[in-house]
Amino acid sequence: MQGARFWILQYVLAAASMFALLVVVDLIGGKQLGDGIWLSLIFALAASAIFIGARYLRSRKG
C-alpha cells in the first residue's frame, strides 16, 4: 500500500487538473473568469476527494 504522501499528491494532482478543466470549460462557455471560479474550485476539491477516496479504498482491498 502507498503512503500518505502518495495519496496527498494524487489528490492535489486530481484537484488541480479538474479545476483547470472546469475553468477552461467556463471560459469556452462565455463566462468571465471571476464568475464561476469559486464554484469550480469547490466542485474540483469535492469531486477529487471522492475520486481519490474510492481509489484508496480499492487499493486497500487489493
PDB file of N, CA and C in Angstrom:
ATOM      1  N   MET A   1       0.836  -1.182   0.000  1.00  0.00           N
ATOM      2  CA  MET A   1       0.000   0.000   0.000  1.00  0.00           C
ATOM      3  C   MET A   1       0.876   1.239   0.000  1.00  0.00           C
ATOM      4  N   GLN A   2       0.416   2.269  -0.659  1.00  0.00           N
ATOM      5  CA  GLN A   2       1.152   3.520  -0.771  1.00  0.00           C
ATOM      6  C   GLN A   2       1.030   4.326   0.517  1.00  0.00           C
ATOM      7  N   GLY A   3       1.987   5.226   0.718  1.00  0.00           N
ATOM      8  CA  GLY A   3       1.984   6.070   1.902  1.00  0.00           C
ATOM      9  C   GLY A   3       1.084   7.281   1.745  1.00  0.00           C
ATOM     10  N   ALA A   4       1.009   8.044   2.827  1.00  0.00           N
ATOM     11  CA  ALA A   4       0.150   9.227   2.844  1.00  0.00           C
ATOM     12  C   ALA A   4       0.620  10.266   1.825  1.00  0.00           C
ATOM     13  N   ARG A   5       1.921  10.396   1.648  1.00  0.00           N
ATOM     14  CA  ARG A   5       2.441  11.385   0.699  1.00  0.00           C
ATOM     15  C   ARG A   5       1.944  11.103  -0.716  1.00  0.00           C
ATOM     16  N   PHE A   6       1.919   9.847  -1.097  1.00  0.00           N
ATOM     17  CA  PHE A   6       1.434   9.455  -2.420  1.00  0.00           C
ATOM     18  C   PHE A   6      -0.017   9.889  -2.619  1.00  0.00           C
ATOM     19  N   TRP A   7      -0.862   9.601  -1.630  1.00  0.00           N
ATOM     20  CA  TRP A   7      -2.283   9.907  -1.766  1.00  0.00           C
ATOM     21  C   TRP A   7      -2.542  11.408  -1.736  1.00  0.00           C
ATOM     22  N   ILE A   8      -1.772  12.145  -0.958  1.00  0.00           N
ATOM     23  CA  ILE A   8      -1.914  13.604  -0.945  1.00  0.00           C
ATOM     24  C   ILE A   8      -1.528  14.185  -2.298  1.00  0.00           C
ATOM     25  N   LEU A   9      -0.441  13.698  -2.866  1.00  0.00           N
ATOM     26  CA  LEU A   9      -0.026  14.171  -4.191  1.00  0.00           C
ATOM     27  C   LEU A   9      -1.040  13.797  -5.267  1.00  0.00           C
ATOM     28  N   GLN A  10      -1.620  12.621  -5.159  1.00  0.00           N
ATOM     29  CA  GLN A  10      -2.657  12.215  -6.106  1.00  0.00           C
ATOM     30  C   GLN A  10      -3.871  13.132  -6.008  1.00  0.00           C
ATOM     31  N   TYR A  11      -4.244  13.494  -4.768  1.00  0.00           N
ATOM     32  CA  TYR A  11      -5.378  14.392  -4.564  1.00  0.00           C
ATOM     33  C   TYR A  11      -5.101  15.772  -5.142  1.00  0.00           C
ATOM     34  N   VAL A  12      -3.917  16.303  -4.877  1.00  0.00           N
ATOM     35  CA  VAL A  12      -3.566  17.624  -5.391  1.00  0.00           C
ATOM     36  C   VAL A  12      -3.545  17.617  -6.918  1.00  0.00           C
ATOM     37  N   LEU A  13      -2.981  16.594  -7.515  1.00  0.00           N
ATOM     38  CA  LEU A  13      -2.934  16.489  -8.968  1.00  0.00           C
ATOM     39  C   LEU A  13      -4.342  16.394  -9.564  1.00  0.00           C
ATOM     40  N   ALA A  14      -5.202  15.575  -8.969  1.00  0.00           N
ATOM     41  CA  ALA A  14      -6.569  15.431  -9.479  1.00  0.00           C
ATOM     42  C   ALA A  14      -7.349  16.733  -9.322  1.00  0.00           C
ATOM     43  N   ALA A  15      -7.215  17.390  -8.170  1.00  0.00           N
ATOM     44  CA  ALA A  15      -7.958  18.625  -7.933  1.00  0.00           C
ATOM     45  C   ALA A  15      -7.485  19.740  -8.860  1.00  0.00           C
ATOM     46  N   ALA A  16      -6.180  19.861  -9.039  1.00  0.00           N
ATOM     47  CA  ALA A  16      -5.650  20.922  -9.893  1.00  0.00           C
ATOM     48  C   ALA A  16      -6.049  20.721 -11.353  1.00  0.00           C
ATOM     49  N   SER A  17      -5.952  19.491 -11.833  1.00  0.00           N
ATOM     50  CA  SER A  17      -6.305  19.252 -13.235  1.00  0.00           C
ATOM     51  C   SER A  17      -7.804  19.419 -13.465  1.00  0.00           C
ATOM     52  N   MET A  18      -8.620  18.983 -12.514  1.00  0.00           N
ATOM     53  CA  MET A  18     -10.063  19.143 -12.662  1.00  0.00           C
ATOM     54  C   MET A  18     -10.455  20.622 -12.584  1.00  0.00           C
ATOM     55  N   PHE A  19      -9.821  21.372 -11.694  1.00  0.00           N
ATOM     56  CA  PHE A  19     -10.087  22.805 -11.583  1.00  0.00           C
ATOM     57  C   PHE A  19      -9.748  23.514 -12.888  1.00  0.00           C
ATOM     58  N   ALA A  20      -8.585  23.207 -13.451  1.00  0.00           N
ATOM     59  CA  ALA A  20      -8.179  23.835 -14.709  1.00  0.00           C
ATOM     60  C   ALA A  20      -9.158  23.496 -15.827  1.00  0.00           C
ATOM     61  N   LEU A  21      -9.585  22.260 -15.886  1.00  0.00           N
ATOM     62  CA  LEU A  21     -10.526  21.846 -16.917  1.00  0.00           C
ATOM     63  C   LEU A  21     -11.869  22.570 -16.761  1.00  0.00           C
ATOM     64  N   LEU A  22     -12.354  22.692 -15.540  1.00  0.00           N
ATOM     65  CA  LEU A  22     -13.627  23.374 -15.306  1.00  0.00           C
ATOM     66  C   LEU A  22     -13.546  24.857 -15.642  1.00  0.00           C
ATOM     67  N   VAL A  23     -12.426  25.496 -15.334  1.00  0.00           N
ATOM     68  CA  VAL A  23     -12.258  26.910 -15.665  1.00  0.00           C
ATOM     69  C   VAL A  23     -12.227  27.093 -17.180  1.00  0.00           C
ATOM     70  N   VAL A  24     -11.538  26.216 -17.888  1.00  0.00           N
ATOM     71  CA  VAL A  24     -11.483  26.306 -19.349  1.00  0.00           C
ATOM     72  C   VAL A  24     -12.873  26.117 -19.947  1.00  0.00           C
ATOM     73  N   VAL A  25     -13.635  25.164 -19.427  1.00  0.00           N
ATOM     74  CA  VAL A  25     -14.992  24.935 -19.927  1.00  0.00           C
ATOM     75  C   VAL A  25     -15.860  26.168 -19.687  1.00  0.00           C
ATOM     76  N   ASP A  26     -15.720  26.795 -18.519  1.00  0.00           N
ATOM     77  CA  ASP A  26     -16.474  28.028 -18.251  1.00  0.00           C
ATOM     78  C   ASP A  26     -16.089  29.139 -19.213  1.00  0.00           C
ATOM     79  N   LEU A  27     -14.810  29.281 -19.479  1.00  0.00           N
ATOM     80  CA  LEU A  27     -14.355  30.328 -20.395  1.00  0.00           C
ATOM     81  C   LEU A  27     -14.840  30.080 -21.817  1.00  0.00           C
ATOM     82  N   ILE A  28     -14.824  28.837 -22.244  1.00  0.00           N
ATOM     83  CA  ILE A  28     -15.323  28.499 -23.572  1.00  0.00           C
ATOM     84  C   ILE A  28     -16.823  28.754 -23.649  1.00  0.00           C
ATOM     85  N   GLY A  29     -17.513  28.530 -22.519  1.00  0.00           N
ATOM     86  CA  GLY A  29     -18.956  28.761 -22.486  1.00  0.00           C
ATOM     87  C   GLY A  29     -19.346  30.230 -22.464  1.00  0.00           C
ATOM     88  N   GLY A  30     -18.378  31.124 -22.369  1.00  0.00           N
ATOM     89  CA  GLY A  30     -18.664  32.540 -22.439  1.00  0.00           C
ATOM     90  C   GLY A  30     -18.710  33.259 -21.107  1.00  0.00           C
ATOM     91  N   LYS A  31     -18.396  32.580 -20.015  1.00  0.00           N
ATOM     92  CA  LYS A  31     -18.395  33.235 -18.714  1.00  0.00           C
ATOM     93  C   LYS A  31     -17.103  34.019 -18.516  1.00  0.00           C
ATOM     94  N   GLN A  32     -17.188  35.022 -17.672  1.00  0.00           N
ATOM     95  CA  GLN A  32     -15.989  35.756 -17.279  1.00  0.00           C
ATOM     96  C   GLN A  32     -15.199  34.890 -16.295  1.00  0.00           C
ATOM     97  N   LEU A  33     -13.913  35.188 -16.151  1.00  0.00           N
ATOM     98  CA  LEU A  33     -13.051  34.371 -15.304  1.00  0.00           C
ATOM     99  C   LEU A  33     -13.522  34.354 -13.852  1.00  0.00           C
ATOM    100  N   GLY A  34     -13.938  35.483 -13.335  1.00  0.00           N
ATOM    101  CA  GLY A  34     -14.329  35.559 -11.930  1.00  0.00           C
ATOM    102  C   GLY A  34     -15.712  35.021 -11.620  1.00  0.00           C
ATOM    103  N   ASP A  35     -16.521  34.765 -12.630  1.00  0.00           N
ATOM    104  CA  ASP A  35     -17.907  34.355 -12.395  1.00  0.00           C
ATOM    105  C   ASP A  35     -18.026  32.977 -11.735  1.00  0.00           C
ATOM    106  N   GLY A  36     -17.331  32.007 -12.232  1.00  0.00           N
ATOM    107  CA  GLY A  36     -17.513  30.648 -11.728  1.00  0.00           C
ATOM    108  C   GLY A  36     -16.284  30.043 -11.103  1.00  0.00           C
ATOM    109  N   ILE A  37     -15.286  30.877 -10.765  1.00  0.00           N
ATOM    110  CA  ILE A  37     -14.023  30.318 -10.292  1.00  0.00           C
ATOM    111  C   ILE A  37     -14.169  29.641  -8.925  1.00  0.00           C
ATOM    112  N   TRP A  38     -14.983  30.230  -8.030  1.00  0.00           N
ATOM    113  CA  TRP A  38     -15.144  29.616  -6.705  1.00  0.00           C
ATOM    114  C   TRP A  38     -15.956  28.338  -6.787  1.00  0.00           C
ATOM    115  N   LEU A  39     -16.977  28.340  -7.602  1.00  0.00           N
ATOM    116  CA  LEU A  39     -17.776  27.126  -7.772  1.00  0.00           C
ATOM    117  C   LEU A  39     -16.942  26.013  -8.405  1.00  0.00           C
ATOM    118  N   SER A  40     -16.105  26.372  -9.370  1.00  0.00           N
ATOM    119  CA  SER A  40     -15.218  25.386  -9.994  1.00  0.00           C
ATOM    120  C   SER A  40     -14.232  24.824  -8.977  1.00  0.00           C
ATOM    121  N   LEU A  41     -13.709  25.677  -8.116  1.00  0.00           N
ATOM    122  CA  LEU A  41     -12.761  25.225  -7.094  1.00  0.00           C
ATOM    123  C   LEU A  41     -13.422  24.274  -6.113  1.00  0.00           C
ATOM    124  N   ILE A  42     -14.594  24.638  -5.624  1.00  0.00           N
ATOM    125  CA  ILE A  42     -15.298  23.792  -4.661  1.00  0.00           C
ATOM    126  C   ILE A  42     -15.658  22.451  -5.288  1.00  0.00           C
ATOM    127  N   PHE A  43     -16.166  22.477  -6.513  1.00  0.00           N
ATOM    128  CA  PHE A  43     -16.534  21.244  -7.192  1.00  0.00           C
ATOM    129  C   PHE A  43     -15.308  20.359  -7.432  1.00  0.00           C
ATOM    130  N   ALA A  44     -14.197  20.970  -7.840  1.00  0.00           N
ATOM    131  CA  ALA A  44     -12.978  20.200  -8.104  1.00  0.00           C
ATOM    132  C   ALA A  44     -12.457  19.548  -6.830  1.00  0.00           C
ATOM    133  N   LEU A  45     -12.474  20.280  -5.714  1.00  0.00           N
ATOM    134  CA  LEU A  45     -11.999  19.714  -4.447  1.00  0.00           C
ATOM    135  C   LEU A  45     -12.883  18.567  -3.975  1.00  0.00           C
ATOM    136  N   ALA A  46     -14.198  18.747  -4.075  1.00  0.00           N
ATOM    137  CA  ALA A  46     -15.118  17.700  -3.627  1.00  0.00           C
ATOM    138  C   ALA A  46     -15.041  16.467  -4.525  1.00  0.00           C
ATOM    139  N   ALA A  47     -15.052  16.670  -5.823  1.00  0.00           N
ATOM    140  CA  ALA A  47     -15.012  15.534  -6.744  1.00  0.00           C
ATOM    141  C   ALA A  47     -13.686  14.781  -6.649  1.00  0.00           C
ATOM    142  N   SER A  48     -12.607  15.502  -6.438  1.00  0.00           N
ATOM    143  CA  SER A  48     -11.305  14.853  -6.293  1.00  0.00           C
ATOM    144  C   SER A  48     -11.235  14.041  -5.008  1.00  0.00           C
ATOM    145  N   ALA A  49     -11.860  14.542  -3.949  1.00  0.00           N
ATOM    146  CA  ALA A  49     -11.884  13.790  -2.693  1.00  0.00           C
ATOM    147  C   ALA A  49     -12.625  12.473  -2.870  1.00  0.00           C
ATOM    148  N   ILE A  50     -13.743  12.501  -3.582  1.00  0.00           N
ATOM    149  CA  ILE A  50     -14.499  11.270  -3.834  1.00  0.00           C
ATOM    150  C   ILE A  50     -13.695  10.326  -4.717  1.00  0.00           C
ATOM    151  N   PHE A  51     -13.086  10.858  -5.773  1.00  0.00           N
ATOM    152  CA  PHE A  51     -12.309  10.039  -6.705  1.00  0.00           C
ATOM    153  C   PHE A  51     -11.114   9.375  -6.020  1.00  0.00           C
ATOM    154  N   ILE A  52     -10.326  10.155  -5.290  1.00  0.00           N
ATOM    155  CA  ILE A  52      -9.141   9.614  -4.631  1.00  0.00           C
ATOM    156  C   ILE A  52      -9.538   8.702  -3.471  1.00  0.00           C
ATOM    157  N   GLY A  53     -10.615   9.037  -2.777  1.00  0.00           N
ATOM    158  CA  GLY A  53     -11.098   8.162  -1.707  1.00  0.00           C
ATOM    159  C   GLY A  53     -11.491   6.795  -2.236  1.00  0.00           C
ATOM    160  N   ALA A  54     -12.145   6.762  -3.376  1.00  0.00           N
ATOM    161  CA  ALA A  54     -12.520   5.478  -3.980  1.00  0.00           C
ATOM    162  C   ALA A  54     -11.286   4.693  -4.407  1.00  0.00           C
ATOM    163  N   ARG A  55     -10.309   5.390  -4.979  1.00  0.00           N
ATOM    164  CA  ARG A  55      -9.066   4.701  -5.366  1.00  0.00           C
ATOM    165  C   ARG A  55      -8.332   4.155  -4.143  1.00  0.00           C
ATOM    166  N   TYR A  56      -8.328   4.927  -3.065  1.00  0.00           N
ATOM    167  CA  TYR A  56      -7.667   4.488  -1.824  1.00  0.00           C
ATOM    168  C   TYR A  56      -8.340   3.219  -1.271  1.00  0.00           C
ATOM    169  N   LEU A  57      -9.655   3.228  -1.237  1.00  0.00           N
ATOM    170  CA  LEU A  57     -10.365   2.059  -0.718  1.00  0.00           C
ATOM    171  C   LEU A  57     -10.141   0.832  -1.592  1.00  0.00           C
ATOM    172  N   ARG A  58     -10.113   1.031  -2.914  1.00  0.00           N
ATOM    173  CA  ARG A  58      -9.839  -0.106  -3.811  1.00  0.00           C
ATOM    174  C   ARG A  58      -8.425  -0.650  -3.609  1.00  0.00           C
ATOM    175  N   SER A  59      -7.469   0.235  -3.354  1.00  0.00           N
ATOM    176  CA  SER A  59      -6.097  -0.227  -3.168  1.00  0.00           C
ATOM    177  C   SER A  59      -5.937  -0.974  -1.846  1.00  0.00           C
ATOM    178  N   ARG A  60      -6.724  -0.612  -0.852  1.00  0.00           N
ATOM    179  CA  ARG A  60      -6.661  -1.326   0.427  1.00  0.00           C
ATOM    180  C   ARG A  60      -7.213  -2.730   0.319  1.00  0.00           C
ATOM    181  N   LYS A  61      -8.207  -2.915  -0.555  1.00  0.00           N
ATOM    182  CA  LYS A  61      -8.807  -4.230  -0.738  1.00  0.00           C
ATOM    183  C   LYS A  61      -7.900  -5.152  -1.547  1.00  0.00           C
ATOM    184  N   GLY A  62      -6.992  -4.551  -2.290  1.00  0.00           N
ATOM    185  CA  GLY A  62      -6.058  -5.358  -3.060  1.00  0.00           C
ATOM    186  C   GLY A  62      -6.430  -5.420  -4.445  1.00  0.00           C
TER     187      GLY A  62
END
